[in-house]
Amino acid sequence: MTIAPSRSLRSSAELIRAEEPVLAHNYHPLPVVVARAEGTWVEDVEGRRYLDMLAGYSALNFGHRHPALIEAAHRQLDQLTLTSRAFHNDRLAQFAESLAELTGLDMVLPMNTGAEAVESAIKVARKWAYEVKGVAPDQATIVVAADNFHGRTTTIVSFSTDETARAGFGPFTPGFRVVPYNDLAALEAAIDETTAAVLIEPIQGEAGVVIPDDGYLRGVRELTRRAGCLFVADEIQSGLGRTGRTLAVEHEGVVPDVLLLGKALGGGIVPVSAVVARREVLQVLRPGEHGSTFGGNPLSAAVGSAVVELLETGEYQRRAEELGVVLRDGLTALVGKGVQGFRARGLWAGVDVDPAVGTGREISERLMREGVLVKDTHGSTIRLAPPLTITGDELRSALGALEKVLTDRL
């Protein structure tokens, strides 16, 4: 697609220097200053174009400025943007109904960010444990997996195993048990009468797109059902078409008790997240016990409803599945040519680069110079998660750029 020229009066270098004294240094972005975007392409302030192979960590599953989503946002901006939940609004019921139907669950708790959805689920799971399961007050525990990423609030980093996320932020919130990911025996040993829930990512994103063995998710479902605790699936990155299914748990035919959604639910326009659950679970919340001023606002509900409409067609799930074959084939051809290994499902991959070729950061910078944007994680691993609107030719072009930057150093 053609992107209209940028009109910034400052260069990339000037804008990057301007950020240094005024922005907290909690990110280490690549040195590219994006000014405009459309579809799978972004443009910097100098007019250079880049193929976006990160898609906002899956927040841009439908690409930049998808016409249907932009139209929904514009239409709602002309009507109503915020009421708070002190009043009803005319968009929220449709959003909740359509999202519940899409996921096969009963009730929706609308929030804003992914971390808020996780925090909300923790509160709901504990309250359910006390009121429904009969756990003694203040004794509820939640089992989580090592190498998880569920957000960066103080409670969430309390059960992170990433020392960069934890160091200096204690004291930490108690009530969590950490077990190895993809280890059903360890999970079973950690569950007892105090367990309110098992909270896991069906695919671990930040850890490098770590895909569990076949049968793991079914095993989690069976263990939680047998123990009388909740299965909470964090699909904030993996959900909404990314893996070739609406939800990653669908690859094993599993339905969790609680589903966490975010990122792509806002269409790359506004932050939207949701806790979607069985009625018995979310009914433990009563007025005044939990809330959000912006959660479920009319603008978010309008965009979220439009996202659900796109997914209801099945087009984006099919694209992710079909183009996922192109991605896997392309990466397979690079194994031994600078790639040590990879893990992929749908249009999502974690690629382990030979450290002799470069770190993940170095590979990301080289790809940037080739006009392709990706992001590194954990040493020499890079993540690929393009918009689901990417074409086969664009995907092959990105893989060709990756081959170039790898083999140039061999």
Protein backbone atom coordinates (compact mmCIF):
# COMPACT_ATOMS: atom_id res chain seq x y z
CA MET A 1 0.00 0.00 0.00
CA THR A 2 1.09 3.59 -0.56
CA ILE A 3 1.63 5.63 2.58
CA ALA A 4 1.27 9.38 2.34
CA PRO A 5 4.57 11.19 3.01
CA SER A 6 5.49 12.01 6.59
CA ARG A 7 5.57 15.67 7.56
CA SER A 8 7.79 15.73 10.64
CA LEU A 9 9.98 18.80 10.95
CA ARG A 10 12.62 16.86 12.90
CA SER A 11 14.86 13.99 11.84
CA SER A 12 14.93 10.57 13.45
CA ALA A 13 18.22 11.37 15.18
CA GLU A 14 16.85 14.65 16.56
CA LEU A 15 13.68 12.99 17.86
CA ILE A 16 15.63 10.15 19.50
CA ARG A 17 17.93 12.67 21.21
CA ALA A 18 14.90 14.68 22.35
CA GLU A 19 13.45 11.62 24.14
CA GLU A 20 16.59 10.96 26.19
CA PRO A 21 16.16 13.57 28.97
CA VAL A 22 12.37 13.41 29.27
CA LEU A 23 11.32 9.76 28.87
CA ALA A 24 11.88 7.08 31.51
CA HIS A 25 14.40 4.57 30.17
CA ASN A 26 12.23 1.49 30.61
CA TYR A 27 12.58 0.49 26.95
CA HIS A 28 15.51 0.06 24.58
CA PRO A 29 13.83 0.61 21.20
CA LEU A 30 15.46 0.14 17.85
CA PRO A 31 16.66 3.47 16.38
CA VAL A 32 13.74 3.93 14.02
CA VAL A 33 11.15 6.70 14.49
CA VAL A 34 7.83 5.63 12.97
CA ALA A 35 5.57 8.43 11.75
CA ARG A 36 2.95 6.74 9.59
CA ALA A 37 1.69 3.23 8.87
CA GLU A 38 -0.79 1.29 6.82
CA GLY A 39 -1.38 -2.44 6.56
CA THR A 40 1.88 -4.30 7.04
CA TRP A 41 4.12 -1.29 6.36
CA VAL A 42 5.39 1.59 8.48
CA GLU A 43 7.30 4.71 7.45
CA ASP A 44 9.81 6.72 9.46
CA VAL A 45 10.09 10.50 9.58
CA GLU A 46 12.57 10.52 6.68
CA GLY A 47 10.20 8.53 4.48
CA ARG A 48 11.97 5.14 4.71
CA ARG A 49 9.55 2.20 4.62
CA TYR A 50 9.76 -0.96 6.72
CA LEU A 51 7.87 -4.24 6.73
CA ASP A 52 6.45 -4.71 10.22
CA MET A 53 7.19 -8.26 11.38
CA LEU A 54 6.34 -7.59 15.03
CA ALA A 55 2.80 -6.17 14.81
CA GLY A 56 2.92 -4.57 18.23
CA TYR A 57 3.51 -7.91 19.97
CA SER A 58 0.27 -9.14 18.33
CA ALA A 59 -1.71 -5.98 19.12
CA LEU A 60 -1.78 -5.31 15.36
CA ASN A 61 -3.03 -8.71 14.18
CA PHE A 62 -5.16 -6.96 11.56
CA GLY A 63 -2.41 -4.61 10.43
CA HIS A 64 -2.05 -0.89 10.88
CA ARG A 65 -5.23 1.14 10.43
CA HIS A 66 -7.45 -1.67 9.17
CA PRO A 67 -10.27 0.09 7.27
CA ALA A 68 -13.12 -1.65 9.12
CA LEU A 69 -11.60 -0.86 12.50
CA ILE A 70 -10.79 2.74 11.64
CA GLU A 71 -14.33 3.21 10.37
CA ALA A 72 -15.79 1.78 13.59
CA ALA A 73 -13.58 4.09 15.67
CA HIS A 74 -14.42 7.18 13.60
CA ARG A 75 -18.13 6.44 13.74
CA GLN A 76 -18.04 6.04 17.51
CA LEU A 77 -15.88 9.14 18.03
CA ASP A 78 -18.72 11.17 16.54
CA GLN A 79 -21.22 9.71 19.03
CA LEU A 80 -19.84 8.88 22.48
CA THR A 81 -16.44 7.92 23.89
CA LEU A 82 -16.78 7.55 27.67
CA THR A 83 -19.48 7.32 30.32
CA SER A 84 -17.61 5.31 33.00
CA ARG A 85 -19.45 2.27 34.31
CA ALA A 86 -21.57 4.57 36.49
CA PHE A 87 -24.02 4.44 33.58
CA HIS A 88 -24.89 1.98 30.82
CA ASN A 89 -23.78 2.66 27.26
CA ASP A 90 -25.31 1.48 24.03
CA ARG A 91 -22.24 -0.42 22.75
CA LEU A 92 -21.18 -2.59 25.66
CA ALA A 93 -23.84 -5.31 25.54
CA GLN A 94 -23.17 -6.06 21.86
CA PHE A 95 -19.43 -6.29 22.53
CA ALA A 96 -19.85 -8.61 25.51
CA GLU A 97 -22.39 -10.83 23.76
CA SER A 98 -20.29 -11.22 20.61
CA LEU A 99 -17.06 -11.88 22.53
CA ALA A 100 -18.69 -14.49 24.75
CA GLU A 101 -20.13 -16.22 21.69
CA LEU A 102 -16.79 -16.12 19.85
CA THR A 103 -14.98 -17.77 22.76
CA GLY A 104 -17.69 -20.21 23.82
CA LEU A 105 -17.88 -18.82 27.34
CA ASP A 106 -20.61 -17.00 29.27
CA MET A 107 -19.65 -13.67 30.79
CA VAL A 108 -17.24 -10.82 30.10
CA LEU A 109 -15.39 -8.46 32.43
CA PRO A 110 -14.08 -5.61 30.21
CA MET A 111 -10.78 -3.98 31.17
CA ASN A 112 -8.12 -1.99 29.32
CA THR A 113 -4.65 -3.53 29.35
CA GLY A 114 -3.44 -7.11 29.40
CA ALA A 115 -1.91 -6.71 32.83
CA GLU A 116 -5.26 -5.45 34.15
CA ALA A 117 -6.94 -8.55 32.77
CA VAL A 118 -4.41 -10.78 34.55
CA GLU A 119 -4.76 -8.85 37.82
CA SER A 120 -8.55 -9.07 37.52
CA ALA A 121 -8.37 -12.82 36.95
CA ILE A 122 -6.20 -13.27 40.03
CA LYS A 123 -8.76 -11.42 42.15
CA VAL A 124 -11.66 -13.35 40.64
CA ALA A 125 -9.92 -16.71 41.09
CA ARG A 126 -9.17 -16.01 44.75
CA LYS A 127 -12.72 -14.84 45.45
CA TRP A 128 -14.11 -17.90 43.66
CA ALA A 129 -11.85 -20.12 45.79
CA TYR A 130 -13.23 -18.63 49.00
CA GLU A 131 -16.89 -18.41 48.05
CA VAL A 132 -17.34 -21.49 45.84
CA LYS A 133 -14.51 -23.93 46.57
CA GLY A 134 -14.40 -23.20 50.30
CA VAL A 135 -10.70 -22.39 50.72
CA ALA A 136 -9.91 -20.85 54.11
CA PRO A 137 -9.68 -17.03 54.09
CA ASP A 138 -6.40 -15.64 52.74
CA GLN A 139 -5.02 -19.12 52.01
CA ALA A 140 -5.75 -19.37 48.26
CA THR A 141 -2.81 -20.22 46.00
CA ILE A 142 -2.35 -19.94 42.25
CA VAL A 143 0.02 -22.16 40.28
CA VAL A 144 1.98 -20.55 37.45
CA ALA A 145 4.72 -21.63 35.04
CA ALA A 146 8.38 -20.69 35.03
CA ASP A 147 9.49 -18.31 32.27
CA ASN A 148 6.00 -16.85 32.16
CA PHE A 149 5.11 -13.35 31.04
CA HIS A 150 1.78 -11.99 32.23
CA GLY A 151 2.61 -8.30 32.66
CA ARG A 152 4.70 -6.02 34.85
CA THR A 153 2.60 -4.98 37.85
CA THR A 154 4.04 -5.69 41.29
CA THR A 155 1.75 -8.67 41.84
CA ILE A 156 2.55 -10.16 38.44
CA VAL A 157 6.32 -9.77 38.74
CA SER A 158 6.01 -11.48 42.11
CA PHE A 159 5.64 -14.77 40.24
CA SER A 160 7.97 -13.99 37.34
CA THR A 161 11.22 -15.94 37.04
CA ASP A 162 12.85 -13.15 35.02
CA GLU A 163 15.21 -11.36 37.38
CA THR A 164 15.25 -8.27 35.15
CA ALA A 165 11.52 -7.93 35.76
CA ARG A 166 11.81 -8.62 39.51
CA ALA A 167 15.04 -7.10 40.78
CA GLY A 168 14.45 -4.05 42.96
CA PHE A 169 10.66 -4.29 43.01
CA GLY A 170 10.03 -6.32 46.18
CA PRO A 171 8.53 -7.08 48.62
CA PHE A 172 6.54 -9.49 46.53
CA THR A 173 2.95 -10.67 46.74
CA PRO A 174 2.59 -14.17 48.26
CA GLY A 175 0.21 -16.89 47.16
CA PHE A 176 1.87 -18.22 44.00
CA ARG A 177 3.62 -21.49 43.23
CA VAL A 178 5.94 -21.70 40.24
CA VAL A 179 6.42 -24.99 38.38
CA PRO A 180 8.29 -25.78 35.15
CA TYR A 181 6.32 -25.13 31.98
CA ASN A 182 5.22 -28.19 29.99
CA ASP A 183 5.61 -30.49 33.03
CA LEU A 184 2.34 -32.10 34.04
CA ALA A 185 3.89 -34.12 36.88
CA ALA A 186 5.28 -30.96 38.51
CA LEU A 187 1.94 -29.23 38.04
CA GLU A 188 0.03 -32.07 39.64
CA ALA A 189 2.40 -32.08 42.62
CA ALA A 190 1.87 -28.34 43.16
CA ILE A 191 -1.93 -28.48 43.22
CA ASP A 192 -3.61 -29.02 46.59
CA GLU A 193 -6.80 -28.08 48.43
CA THR A 194 -5.74 -24.40 48.56
CA THR A 195 -5.30 -24.08 44.79
CA ALA A 196 -7.67 -21.55 43.29
CA ALA A 197 -6.34 -21.70 39.75
CA VAL A 198 -3.62 -22.68 37.34
CA LEU A 199 -2.60 -19.64 35.26
CA ILE A 200 -0.58 -20.36 32.12
CA GLU A 201 0.06 -19.12 28.61
CA PRO A 202 -0.94 -21.80 26.07
CA ILE A 203 2.17 -20.66 24.19
CA GLN A 204 4.80 -18.67 26.07
CA GLY A 205 5.43 -15.54 24.02
CA GLU A 206 8.08 -13.48 25.79
CA ALA A 207 10.04 -16.65 26.55
CA GLY A 208 10.61 -17.08 22.81
CA VAL A 209 7.34 -18.56 21.45
CA VAL A 210 7.67 -21.75 23.49
CA ILE A 211 5.10 -24.32 22.37
CA PRO A 212 4.25 -27.13 24.82
CA ASP A 213 4.10 -30.80 23.90
CA ASP A 214 0.91 -32.13 22.36
CA GLY A 215 -1.40 -33.13 25.20
CA TYR A 216 -0.05 -30.63 27.73
CA LEU A 217 -3.05 -28.31 27.58
CA ARG A 218 -5.44 -31.26 27.72
CA GLY A 219 -3.51 -32.47 30.74
CA VAL A 220 -3.81 -29.07 32.43
CA ARG A 221 -7.55 -29.10 31.75
CA GLU A 222 -7.93 -32.60 33.23
CA LEU A 223 -5.79 -31.88 36.31
CA THR A 224 -7.68 -28.68 37.13
CA ARG A 225 -11.04 -30.34 36.60
CA ARG A 226 -10.08 -33.26 38.83
CA ALA A 227 -8.70 -30.97 41.55
CA GLY A 228 -11.67 -28.62 41.46
CA CYS A 229 -9.67 -25.51 40.58
CA LEU A 230 -9.81 -23.08 37.67
CA PHE A 231 -7.85 -23.27 34.42
CA VAL A 232 -6.98 -19.68 33.47
CA ALA A 233 -5.53 -19.34 29.96
CA ASP A 234 -3.63 -16.14 29.20
CA GLU A 235 -4.20 -15.67 25.46
CA ILE A 236 -3.32 -11.98 25.42
CA GLN A 237 -0.59 -12.63 22.83
CA SER A 238 -1.57 -16.02 21.43
CA GLY A 239 -5.27 -15.38 20.93
CA LEU A 240 -7.48 -13.81 18.27
CA GLY A 241 -6.13 -15.52 15.17
CA ARG A 242 -2.37 -15.44 15.73
CA THR A 243 -1.82 -19.22 15.76
CA GLY A 244 -4.22 -20.18 12.98
CA ARG A 245 -7.14 -20.61 15.37
CA THR A 246 -9.23 -18.04 17.18
CA LEU A 247 -7.58 -19.26 20.39
CA ALA A 248 -4.39 -21.26 20.86
CA VAL A 249 -6.19 -23.67 23.23
CA GLU A 250 -8.31 -24.76 20.26
CA HIS A 251 -5.32 -26.68 18.87
CA GLU A 252 -6.02 -29.21 21.63
CA GLY A 253 -9.79 -28.79 21.78
CA VAL A 254 -9.59 -27.30 25.28
CA VAL A 255 -12.00 -24.81 26.86
CA PRO A 256 -10.58 -23.06 29.95
CA ASP A 257 -12.71 -21.77 32.82
CA VAL A 258 -11.25 -18.29 32.41
CA LEU A 259 -9.79 -16.74 29.27
CA LEU A 260 -7.68 -13.58 29.21
CA LEU A 261 -7.66 -11.45 26.06
CA GLY A 262 -6.06 -8.14 25.13
CA LYS A 263 -3.67 -6.66 22.56
CA ALA A 264 -5.42 -7.49 19.24
CA LEU A 265 -8.81 -7.00 20.89
CA GLY A 266 -8.26 -3.25 20.55
CA GLY A 267 -7.33 -3.51 16.87
CA GLY A 268 -4.17 -1.45 17.39
CA ILE A 269 -6.36 1.59 18.03
CA VAL A 270 -7.26 1.62 21.72
CA PRO A 271 -6.24 -0.61 24.64
CA VAL A 272 -8.94 -3.23 25.23
CA SER A 273 -8.73 -6.34 27.37
CA ALA A 274 -11.22 -8.74 28.87
CA VAL A 275 -11.65 -11.56 31.30
CA VAL A 276 -14.06 -14.02 29.69
CA ALA A 277 -15.28 -16.86 31.89
CA ARG A 278 -17.92 -19.31 32.92
CA ARG A 279 -20.89 -17.66 34.58
CA GLU A 280 -20.23 -19.42 37.90
CA VAL A 281 -16.81 -17.80 38.06
CA LEU A 282 -17.52 -14.18 37.16
CA GLN A 283 -20.72 -14.10 39.20
CA VAL A 284 -18.61 -13.89 42.37
CA LEU A 285 -18.04 -10.18 41.61
CA ARG A 286 -20.54 -7.76 43.10
CA PRO A 287 -20.90 -3.99 42.71
CA GLY A 288 -18.04 -2.09 44.30
CA GLU A 289 -15.64 -5.05 44.50
CA HIS A 290 -13.80 -4.41 41.25
CA GLY A 291 -13.91 -1.81 38.52
CA SER A 292 -12.29 0.38 35.88
CA THR A 293 -13.23 3.89 34.81
CA PHE A 294 -12.34 3.20 31.17
CA GLY A 295 -13.09 -0.54 31.05
CA GLY A 296 -15.96 -1.19 28.63
CA ASN A 297 -16.08 2.41 27.38
CA PRO A 298 -18.12 2.94 24.19
CA LEU A 299 -15.12 3.57 21.95
CA SER A 300 -13.37 0.40 23.11
CA ALA A 301 -16.59 -1.59 22.82
CA ALA A 302 -17.15 -0.36 19.26
CA VAL A 303 -13.62 -1.27 18.17
CA GLY A 304 -13.73 -4.58 20.05
CA SER A 305 -17.02 -5.48 18.37
CA ALA A 306 -15.48 -4.74 14.97
CA VAL A 307 -12.52 -6.99 15.84
CA VAL A 308 -14.89 -9.81 16.73
CA GLU A 309 -16.72 -9.31 13.42
CA LEU A 310 -13.43 -9.73 11.52
CA LEU A 311 -12.67 -12.93 13.40
CA GLU A 312 -16.17 -14.32 12.87
CA THR A 313 -15.40 -14.59 9.14
CA GLY A 314 -12.57 -17.04 9.82
CA GLU A 315 -10.46 -15.30 7.17
CA TYR A 316 -7.65 -14.25 9.49
CA GLN A 317 -7.39 -17.62 11.19
CA ARG A 318 -7.12 -19.27 7.75
CA ARG A 319 -4.48 -16.79 6.63
CA ALA A 320 -2.40 -17.42 9.74
CA GLU A 321 -2.61 -21.17 9.23
CA GLU A 322 -1.82 -21.10 5.50
CA LEU A 323 0.95 -18.50 5.67
CA GLY A 324 2.28 -20.24 8.75
CA VAL A 325 3.37 -23.03 6.41
CA VAL A 326 5.36 -20.49 4.37
CA LEU A 327 6.95 -19.17 7.57
CA ARG A 328 7.91 -22.63 8.84
CA ASP A 329 9.27 -23.72 5.45
CA GLY A 330 11.34 -20.56 5.17
CA LEU A 331 12.78 -20.96 8.66
CA THR A 332 13.48 -24.65 8.12
CA ALA A 333 15.61 -23.73 5.12
CA LEU A 334 17.68 -21.43 7.36
CA VAL A 335 18.50 -24.02 10.01
CA GLY A 336 22.24 -24.50 9.85
CA LYS A 337 22.62 -21.21 7.99
CA GLY A 338 22.73 -18.98 11.04
CA VAL A 339 19.57 -20.38 12.63
CA GLN A 340 20.07 -23.01 15.33
CA GLY A 341 16.39 -23.79 15.71
CA PHE A 342 12.93 -22.28 15.86
CA ARG A 343 9.43 -22.78 17.20
CA ALA A 344 6.43 -21.67 15.15
CA ARG A 345 2.66 -21.90 15.17
CA GLY A 346 0.59 -19.96 12.71
CA LEU A 347 2.16 -16.58 11.99
CA TRP A 348 4.24 -16.60 15.16
CA ALA A 349 7.79 -17.81 15.59
CA GLY A 350 10.71 -17.67 17.97
CA VAL A 351 13.98 -18.00 16.07
CA ASP A 352 17.19 -18.99 17.85
CA VAL A 353 20.11 -17.39 16.04
CA ASP A 354 23.60 -18.87 16.22
CA PRO A 355 25.38 -16.60 18.77
CA ALA A 356 28.42 -16.64 16.47
CA VAL A 357 26.33 -14.72 13.94
CA GLY A 358 25.09 -12.14 16.43
CA THR A 359 22.83 -11.38 19.35
CA GLY A 360 19.11 -10.99 18.88
CA ARG A 361 19.53 -7.24 19.17
CA GLU A 362 22.25 -7.18 16.51
CA ILE A 363 20.15 -9.26 14.12
CA SER A 364 17.18 -6.93 14.73
CA GLU A 365 19.33 -3.90 13.90
CA ARG A 366 20.66 -5.51 10.73
CA LEU A 367 17.13 -6.40 9.64
CA MET A 368 16.05 -2.82 10.31
CA ARG A 369 18.70 -1.65 7.87
CA GLU A 370 17.20 -4.09 5.33
CA GLY A 371 13.74 -2.59 5.85
CA VAL A 372 12.31 -5.27 8.16
CA LEU A 373 11.30 -4.69 11.79
CA VAL A 374 11.51 -7.49 14.38
CA LYS A 375 12.30 -7.62 18.11
CA ASP A 376 14.75 -9.71 20.09
CA THR A 377 14.18 -11.54 23.34
CA HIS A 378 16.53 -13.46 25.61
CA GLY A 379 19.96 -13.31 24.03
CA SER A 380 20.04 -14.58 20.47
CA THR A 381 16.33 -15.21 19.99
CA ILE A 382 14.16 -13.02 17.76
CA ARG A 383 10.39 -13.06 17.47
CA LEU A 384 8.43 -12.93 14.24
CA ALA A 385 4.77 -11.98 14.48
CA PRO A 386 3.64 -10.12 11.36
CA PRO A 387 0.13 -8.79 10.88
CA LEU A 388 -2.23 -11.53 9.73
CA THR A 389 -2.86 -9.37 6.65
CA ILE A 390 0.67 -9.95 5.34
CA THR A 391 0.92 -11.38 1.82
CA GLY A 392 2.92 -14.42 0.83
CA ASP A 393 5.31 -12.24 -1.18
CA GLU A 394 5.87 -9.89 1.77
CA LEU A 395 6.53 -12.81 4.09
CA ARG A 396 8.99 -14.38 1.68
CA SER A 397 10.71 -11.00 1.32
CA ALA A 398 11.15 -10.78 5.09
CA LEU A 399 12.56 -14.30 5.19
CA GLY A 400 14.93 -13.38 2.39
CA ALA A 401 16.14 -10.38 4.39
CA LEU A 402 16.70 -12.64 7.39
CA GLU A 403 18.74 -15.04 5.26
CA LYS A 404 20.81 -12.14 3.99
CA VAL A 405 21.71 -10.72 7.40
CA LEU A 406 22.54 -14.20 8.71
CA THR A 407 24.62 -15.47 5.83
CA ASP A 408 26.53 -12.18 5.45
CA ARG A 409 28.23 -13.08 8.75
CA LEU A 410 28.93 -16.76 8.06
